[in-house]
């Protein structure tokens, strides 16, 4: 968890960081829920997870912990409107009883022993994005402009009704390829909320226009 909440990664989006942390927490808890006393282990790690995230948020926004708690605290955890940090607890990851397994006997058995692959941290995603801060920008656009599709084309799934946050896609009104400075393309006034079918249709149209311009 200390690797995920490294202070050098404060440019990453909050939602991306929570998603990366939850992947580690979920896998780790599912492993330890098969031990004899998982609650004791969860109790030790829970403060590390909570305050690790809180400290990372404090450094990202250069804010005191009181301000971070007021903005991100949700009961016994931290989160945003779309993502919530998983807390290691016995209520979420109930203990599993041990099941007796038949051991392989190399003298009587003919099948090969299947060994568990060693886990490597090298492939761990720590929340770093290809376009840093994009998921935070997505959250900002939804809060600013709502979740109703701005295009509402013939195949629109919104039809004037709010979309679920998971269905929302953020579209560049003027394509990024037409900007010399990508940062100008990502300003809120060049963003709009769209559904998936409308986004695909507009992207297809934008690509045709761009190909004509290049000719």
Protein backbone atom coordinates (compact mmCIF):
# COMPACT_ATOMS: atom_id res chain seq x y z
CA UNK A 1 0.00 0.00 0.00
CA UNK A 2 2.93 2.35 0.64
CA UNK A 3 4.03 1.75 -2.93
CA UNK A 4 0.57 2.63 -4.27
CA UNK A 5 0.33 5.77 -2.10
CA UNK A 6 3.83 6.96 -2.98
CA UNK A 7 4.14 10.73 -2.63
CA UNK A 8 5.69 11.02 -6.09
CA UNK A 9 2.36 9.94 -7.66
CA UNK A 10 0.20 12.89 -6.58
CA UNK A 11 -0.36 13.86 -10.23
CA UNK A 12 -2.55 10.79 -10.67
CA UNK A 13 -6.36 11.06 -10.48
CA UNK A 14 -8.02 10.29 -7.16
CA UNK A 15 -10.37 7.74 -8.76
CA UNK A 16 -7.47 6.04 -10.54
CA UNK A 17 -5.54 5.81 -7.26
CA UNK A 18 -8.54 4.36 -5.42
CA UNK A 19 -9.09 1.79 -8.19
CA UNK A 20 -5.43 0.73 -8.05
CA UNK A 21 -5.50 0.49 -4.24
CA UNK A 22 -8.73 -1.55 -4.28
CA UNK A 23 -7.18 -4.13 -6.62
CA UNK A 24 -4.39 -4.78 -4.13
CA UNK A 25 -6.69 -4.71 -1.09
CA UNK A 26 -9.26 -7.05 -2.63
CA UNK A 27 -6.68 -9.63 -3.69
CA UNK A 28 -4.82 -9.43 -0.40
CA UNK A 29 -8.00 -9.78 1.70
CA UNK A 30 -9.29 -12.71 -0.35
CA UNK A 31 -6.00 -14.47 0.39
CA UNK A 32 -6.04 -13.80 4.15
CA UNK A 33 -9.72 -14.59 4.67
CA UNK A 34 -8.71 -18.25 4.41
CA UNK A 35 -6.42 -18.00 7.47
CA UNK A 36 -7.36 -18.97 11.02
CA UNK A 37 -7.92 -15.40 12.30
CA UNK A 38 -8.28 -12.90 9.42
CA UNK A 39 -9.88 -10.19 11.58
CA UNK A 40 -6.64 -9.74 13.56
CA UNK A 41 -4.69 -9.22 10.34
CA UNK A 42 -7.34 -6.88 8.87
CA UNK A 43 -7.33 -4.76 12.05
CA UNK A 44 -3.59 -4.16 11.68
CA UNK A 45 -3.75 -3.15 8.02
CA UNK A 46 -6.94 -1.06 8.07
CA UNK A 47 -5.30 2.07 9.62
CA UNK A 48 -2.42 1.75 7.13
CA UNK A 49 -4.86 1.81 4.22
CA UNK A 50 -7.03 4.63 5.56
CA UNK A 51 -4.28 7.01 6.64
CA UNK A 52 -2.10 6.14 3.66
CA UNK A 53 -4.88 7.36 1.37
CA UNK A 54 -5.59 10.38 3.59
CA UNK A 55 -1.93 11.41 3.60
CA UNK A 56 -1.75 11.02 -0.22
CA UNK A 57 -4.85 13.21 -0.64
CA UNK A 58 -3.42 15.81 1.74
CA UNK A 59 -0.23 16.07 -0.30
CA UNK A 60 -2.11 16.12 -3.61
CA UNK A 61 -4.36 19.02 -2.61
CA UNK A 62 -1.89 20.60 -0.16
CA UNK A 63 -4.62 20.56 2.49
CA UNK A 64 -4.91 19.75 6.19
CA UNK A 65 -6.40 16.44 7.28
CA UNK A 66 -9.52 18.18 8.60
CA UNK A 67 -10.27 19.51 5.10
CA UNK A 68 -9.53 16.12 3.54
CA UNK A 69 -11.89 14.37 5.99
CA UNK A 70 -14.65 16.88 5.27
CA UNK A 71 -14.31 16.43 1.51
CA UNK A 72 -13.59 12.71 1.09
CA UNK A 73 -14.69 10.85 4.23
CA UNK A 74 -17.62 8.47 3.78
CA UNK A 75 -18.32 6.67 7.04
CA UNK A 76 -15.30 4.53 7.93
CA UNK A 77 -13.62 4.99 4.55
CA UNK A 78 -12.62 7.60 1.95
CA UNK A 79 -13.98 8.10 -1.54
CA UNK A 80 -15.53 10.22 -4.26
CA UNK A 81 -19.00 10.21 -5.79
CA UNK A 82 -18.05 7.27 -8.04
CA UNK A 83 -15.25 5.38 -6.24
CA UNK A 84 -14.86 4.24 -2.64
CA UNK A 85 -11.74 2.84 -0.94
CA UNK A 86 -12.21 -0.74 0.28
CA UNK A 87 -11.51 -1.23 3.98
CA UNK A 88 -10.10 -4.63 5.08
CA UNK A 89 -12.76 -5.99 7.44
CA UNK A 90 -14.31 -9.30 8.41
CA UNK A 91 -17.77 -7.95 7.46
CA UNK A 92 -16.71 -7.54 3.83
CA UNK A 93 -14.33 -10.51 3.61
CA UNK A 94 -15.83 -13.24 5.79
CA UNK A 95 -13.54 -15.96 7.12
CA UNK A 96 -13.44 -19.20 5.15
CA UNK A 97 -13.04 -22.54 6.87
CA UNK A 98 -10.08 -24.64 5.96
CA UNK A 99 -10.84 -27.50 3.60
CA UNK A 100 -8.78 -30.68 3.77
CA UNK A 101 -7.06 -31.32 0.45
CA UNK A 102 -5.59 -34.59 -0.72
CA UNK A 103 -1.84 -34.21 -1.05
CA UNK A 104 -0.09 -35.43 -4.15
CA UNK A 105 1.93 -38.60 -3.60
CA UNK A 106 4.81 -38.73 -6.10
CA UNK A 107 5.15 -42.51 -5.59
CA UNK A 108 1.53 -43.45 -6.33
CA UNK A 109 0.24 -40.53 -8.40
CA UNK A 110 0.82 -40.04 -12.09
CA UNK A 111 -0.29 -36.42 -12.46
CA UNK A 112 2.17 -33.57 -12.25
CA UNK A 113 2.25 -31.16 -9.34
CA UNK A 114 0.83 -27.75 -10.21
CA UNK A 115 2.88 -25.14 -8.43
CA UNK A 116 1.69 -21.62 -7.69
CA UNK A 117 3.45 -18.91 -9.67
CA UNK A 118 5.45 -16.44 -7.60
CA UNK A 119 3.78 -13.03 -7.31
CA UNK A 120 5.67 -10.09 -8.76
CA UNK A 121 5.14 -6.42 -7.91
CA UNK A 122 6.58 -5.40 -11.27
CA UNK A 123 3.22 -5.76 -13.00
CA UNK A 124 1.26 -3.89 -10.30
CA UNK A 125 -0.73 -0.91 -11.58
CA UNK A 126 -0.30 1.88 -9.03
CA UNK A 127 -2.84 4.30 -10.52
CA UNK A 128 -0.58 6.04 -13.03
CA UNK A 129 -2.61 7.16 -16.06
CA UNK A 130 -1.60 7.64 -19.67
CA UNK A 131 -3.14 11.10 -19.40
CA UNK A 132 -2.58 12.08 -15.79
CA UNK A 133 -5.54 13.66 -14.05
CA UNK A 134 -8.08 12.60 -16.69
CA UNK A 135 -10.39 10.76 -14.29
CA UNK A 136 -10.43 13.76 -11.96
CA UNK A 137 -11.36 15.94 -14.95
CA UNK A 138 -14.16 13.49 -15.82
CA UNK A 139 -15.53 13.82 -12.29
CA UNK A 140 -15.32 17.61 -12.53
CA UNK A 141 -17.18 17.73 -15.87
CA UNK A 142 -20.02 15.54 -14.55
CA UNK A 143 -20.38 17.76 -11.47
CA UNK A 144 -20.33 20.89 -13.65
CA UNK A 145 -22.53 19.79 -16.57
CA UNK A 146 -24.59 16.90 -15.20
CA UNK A 147 -24.95 13.45 -16.75
CA UNK A 148 -27.44 14.09 -19.60
CA UNK A 149 -26.04 13.40 -23.08
CA UNK A 150 -25.27 16.70 -24.80
CA UNK A 151 -25.64 15.32 -28.35
CA UNK A 152 -28.78 13.13 -28.16
CA UNK A 153 -28.36 11.65 -31.63
CA UNK A 154 -30.64 9.05 -33.25
CA UNK A 155 -29.07 6.15 -31.29
CA UNK A 156 -28.77 8.06 -27.99
CA UNK A 157 -29.46 6.00 -24.85
CA UNK A 158 -30.00 9.11 -22.70
CA UNK A 159 -33.01 10.70 -24.43
CA UNK A 160 -32.90 13.68 -22.08
CA UNK A 161 -32.60 11.54 -18.95
CA UNK A 162 -29.52 11.48 -16.66
CA UNK A 163 -27.03 8.70 -17.36
CA UNK A 164 -25.53 6.52 -14.63
CA UNK A 165 -21.96 7.76 -13.91
CA UNK A 166 -20.57 4.47 -15.26
CA UNK A 167 -22.31 5.15 -18.62
CA UNK A 168 -20.94 8.67 -19.00
CA UNK A 169 -18.22 9.41 -21.54
CA UNK A 170 -16.45 12.76 -21.86
CA UNK A 171 -16.07 14.12 -25.37
CA UNK A 172 -13.86 16.90 -26.71
CA UNK A 173 -16.18 19.30 -28.54
CA UNK A 174 -13.26 20.34 -30.74
CA UNK A 175 -10.98 17.28 -31.23
CA UNK A 176 -7.63 17.30 -29.41
CA UNK A 177 -5.82 16.78 -32.73
CA UNK A 178 -6.78 20.31 -33.79
CA UNK A 179 -5.04 21.94 -30.80
CA UNK A 180 -1.39 22.85 -30.71
CA UNK A 181 -1.45 22.76 -26.91
CA UNK A 182 -3.22 19.60 -25.57
CA UNK A 183 -3.82 21.38 -22.25
CA UNK A 184 -6.10 23.86 -24.02
CA UNK A 185 -8.11 20.97 -25.47
CA UNK A 186 -8.74 19.57 -21.98
CA UNK A 187 -10.26 22.77 -20.56
CA UNK A 188 -13.83 22.31 -19.21
CA UNK A 189 -15.36 24.60 -21.85
CA UNK A 190 -14.21 22.13 -24.53
CA UNK A 191 -15.72 19.09 -22.79
CA UNK A 192 -19.22 17.66 -22.96
CA UNK A 193 -21.04 14.69 -21.43
CA UNK A 194 -22.16 12.08 -23.97
CA UNK A 195 -23.37 8.49 -24.09
CA UNK A 196 -21.38 5.74 -25.83
CA UNK A 197 -23.37 5.58 -29.14
CA UNK A 198 -23.29 9.37 -29.57
CA UNK A 199 -19.57 9.46 -28.72
CA UNK A 200 -18.80 6.81 -31.33
CA UNK A 201 -20.84 8.61 -33.99
CA UNK A 202 -19.16 11.96 -33.30
CA UNK A 203 -15.68 10.40 -33.27
CA UNK A 204 -16.41 8.81 -36.65
CA UNK A 205 -17.55 12.16 -38.06
CA UNK A 206 -14.54 13.99 -36.60
CA UNK A 207 -12.20 11.43 -38.17
CA UNK A 208 -13.76 11.96 -41.61
CA UNK A 209 -13.44 15.75 -41.30
CA UNK A 210 -9.81 15.43 -40.19
CA UNK A 211 -8.94 13.14 -43.12
CA UNK A 212 -10.42 15.68 -45.57
CA UNK A 213 -8.41 18.49 -43.99
CA UNK A 214 -5.19 16.50 -44.31
CA UNK A 215 -5.77 15.98 -48.02
